Amino acid sequence: MANRPYPSFLLYKDKSGEYRWKYQASNTKIIADSGEGYKNKADCVHAMHLVMDCNRQTPVWKTEDVE
């Protein structure tokens, strides 16, 4: 496997054999993950792409207790 650049997404299988993804920052810290396992690789990749497609135009919602 080639040297992995950071920041980057990692697609992998967990101990149960389900697909998951995680996003690691330039310091290699995990800052986002799939939150669940997927039986189908395509479903996991789709969820990962939803996060990839977010950008600065994506609205940020705040709860009432956040100023």
C-alpha atoms as a PDB file:
ATOM      1  CA  MET A   1       0.000   0.000   0.000  1.00  0.00           C
ATOM      2  CA  ALA A   2       1.271   3.482  -0.850  1.00  0.00           C
ATOM      3  CA  ASN A   3       1.940   6.087   1.819  1.00  0.00           C
ATOM      4  CA  ARG A   4      -1.373   7.561   2.837  1.00  0.00           C
ATOM      5  CA  PRO A   5      -1.678  11.359   2.596  1.00  0.00           C
ATOM      6  CA  TYR A   6      -3.459  13.359   5.287  1.00  0.00           C
ATOM      7  CA  PRO A   7      -6.075  14.717   5.501  1.00  0.00           C
ATOM      8  CA  SER A   8      -7.898  11.787   3.902  1.00  0.00           C
ATOM      9  CA  PHE A   9     -10.794   9.363   4.134  1.00  0.00           C
ATOM     10  CA  LEU A  10     -10.191   5.702   4.956  1.00  0.00           C
ATOM     11  CA  LEU A  11     -12.626   3.001   3.836  1.00  0.00           C
ATOM     12  CA  TYR A  12     -12.251  -0.243   5.813  1.00  0.00           C
ATOM     13  CA  LYS A  13     -14.020  -3.333   7.161  1.00  0.00           C
ATOM     14  CA  ASP A  14     -14.685  -3.651  10.889  1.00  0.00           C
ATOM     15  CA  LYS A  15     -14.418  -6.838  12.993  1.00  0.00           C
ATOM     16  CA  SER A  16     -17.975  -7.788  11.979  1.00  0.00           C
ATOM     17  CA  GLY A  17     -17.076  -7.574   8.289  1.00  0.00           C
ATOM     18  CA  GLU A  18     -19.107  -4.404   7.722  1.00  0.00           C
ATOM     19  CA  TYR A  19     -17.802  -1.450   5.742  1.00  0.00           C
ATOM     20  CA  ARG A  20     -17.017   1.805   7.538  1.00  0.00           C
ATOM     21  CA  TRP A  21     -15.221   5.055   6.776  1.00  0.00           C
ATOM     22  CA  LYS A  22     -13.312   7.600   8.821  1.00  0.00           C
ATOM     23  CA  TYR A  23     -11.832  10.986   8.025  1.00  0.00           C
ATOM     24  CA  GLN A  24      -8.458  11.851   9.493  1.00  0.00           C
ATOM     25  CA  ALA A  25      -7.006  15.357   9.699  1.00  0.00           C
ATOM     26  CA  SER A  26      -3.456  16.323   8.777  1.00  0.00           C
ATOM     27  CA  ASN A  27      -2.377  15.435  12.340  1.00  0.00           C
ATOM     28  CA  THR A  28      -3.925  11.932  11.802  1.00  0.00           C
ATOM     29  CA  LYS A  29      -6.659  12.555  14.403  1.00  0.00           C
ATOM     30  CA  ILE A  30     -10.047  11.098  13.484  1.00  0.00           C
ATOM     31  CA  ILE A  31     -12.484  13.988  13.135  1.00  0.00           C
ATOM     32  CA  ALA A  32     -15.420  12.149  11.524  1.00  0.00           C
ATOM     33  CA  ASP A  33     -16.567   8.585  10.991  1.00  0.00           C
ATOM     34  CA  SER A  34     -19.422   6.618   9.485  1.00  0.00           C
ATOM     35  CA  GLY A  35     -21.065   6.072  12.871  1.00  0.00           C
ATOM     36  CA  GLU A  36     -22.406   2.724  11.664  1.00  0.00           C
ATOM     37  CA  GLY A  37     -21.333  -0.282   9.649  1.00  0.00           C
ATOM     38  CA  TYR A  38     -22.671  -1.001   6.165  1.00  0.00           C
ATOM     39  CA  LYS A  39     -23.254  -4.460   4.695  1.00  0.00           C
ATOM     40  CA  ASN A  40     -22.830  -3.086   1.159  1.00  0.00           C
ATOM     41  CA  LYS A  41     -19.646  -1.285   0.159  1.00  0.00           C
ATOM     42  CA  ALA A  42     -21.614   0.952  -2.234  1.00  0.00           C
ATOM     43  CA  ASP A  43     -23.813   2.199   0.630  1.00  0.00           C
ATOM     44  CA  CYS A  44     -20.752   3.061   2.705  1.00  0.00           C
ATOM     45  CA  VAL A  45     -19.100   4.868  -0.206  1.00  0.00           C
ATOM     46  CA  HIS A  46     -22.329   6.791  -0.826  1.00  0.00           C
ATOM     47  CA  ALA A  47     -22.430   7.951   2.814  1.00  0.00           C
ATOM     48  CA  MET A  48     -18.766   8.959   2.615  1.00  0.00           C
ATOM     49  CA  HIS A  49     -19.444  10.966  -0.555  1.00  0.00           C
ATOM     50  CA  LEU A  50     -22.288  12.820   1.179  1.00  0.00           C
ATOM     51  CA  VAL A  51     -19.737  14.123   3.682  1.00  0.00           C
ATOM     52  CA  MET A  52     -17.188  14.841   0.934  1.00  0.00           C
ATOM     53  CA  ASP A  53     -19.770  16.969  -0.884  1.00  0.00           C
ATOM     54  CA  CYS A  54     -20.268  19.287   2.097  1.00  0.00           C
ATOM     55  CA  ASN A  55     -18.651  22.668   1.674  1.00  0.00           C
ATOM     56  CA  ARG A  56     -18.656  26.163   3.134  1.00  0.00           C
ATOM     57  CA  GLN A  57     -22.088  26.789   1.580  1.00  0.00           C
ATOM     58  CA  THR A  58     -23.579  24.012   3.738  1.00  0.00           C
ATOM     59  CA  PRO A  59     -25.749  25.644   6.435  1.00  0.00           C
ATOM     60  CA  VAL A  60     -24.749  25.345  10.082  1.00  0.00           C
ATOM     61  CA  TRP A  61     -27.668  24.990  12.480  1.00  0.00           C
ATOM     62  CA  LYS A  62     -27.349  25.825  16.163  1.00  0.00           C
ATOM     63  CA  THR A  63     -29.405  24.770  19.133  1.00  0.00           C
ATOM     64  CA  GLU A  64     -31.009  27.459  21.261  1.00  0.00           C
ATOM     65  CA  ASP A  65     -28.294  27.222  23.922  1.00  0.00           C
ATOM     66  CA  VAL A  66     -25.540  28.119  21.419  1.00  0.00           C
ATOM     67  CA  GLU A  67     -24.988  31.810  20.732  1.00  0.00           C
END
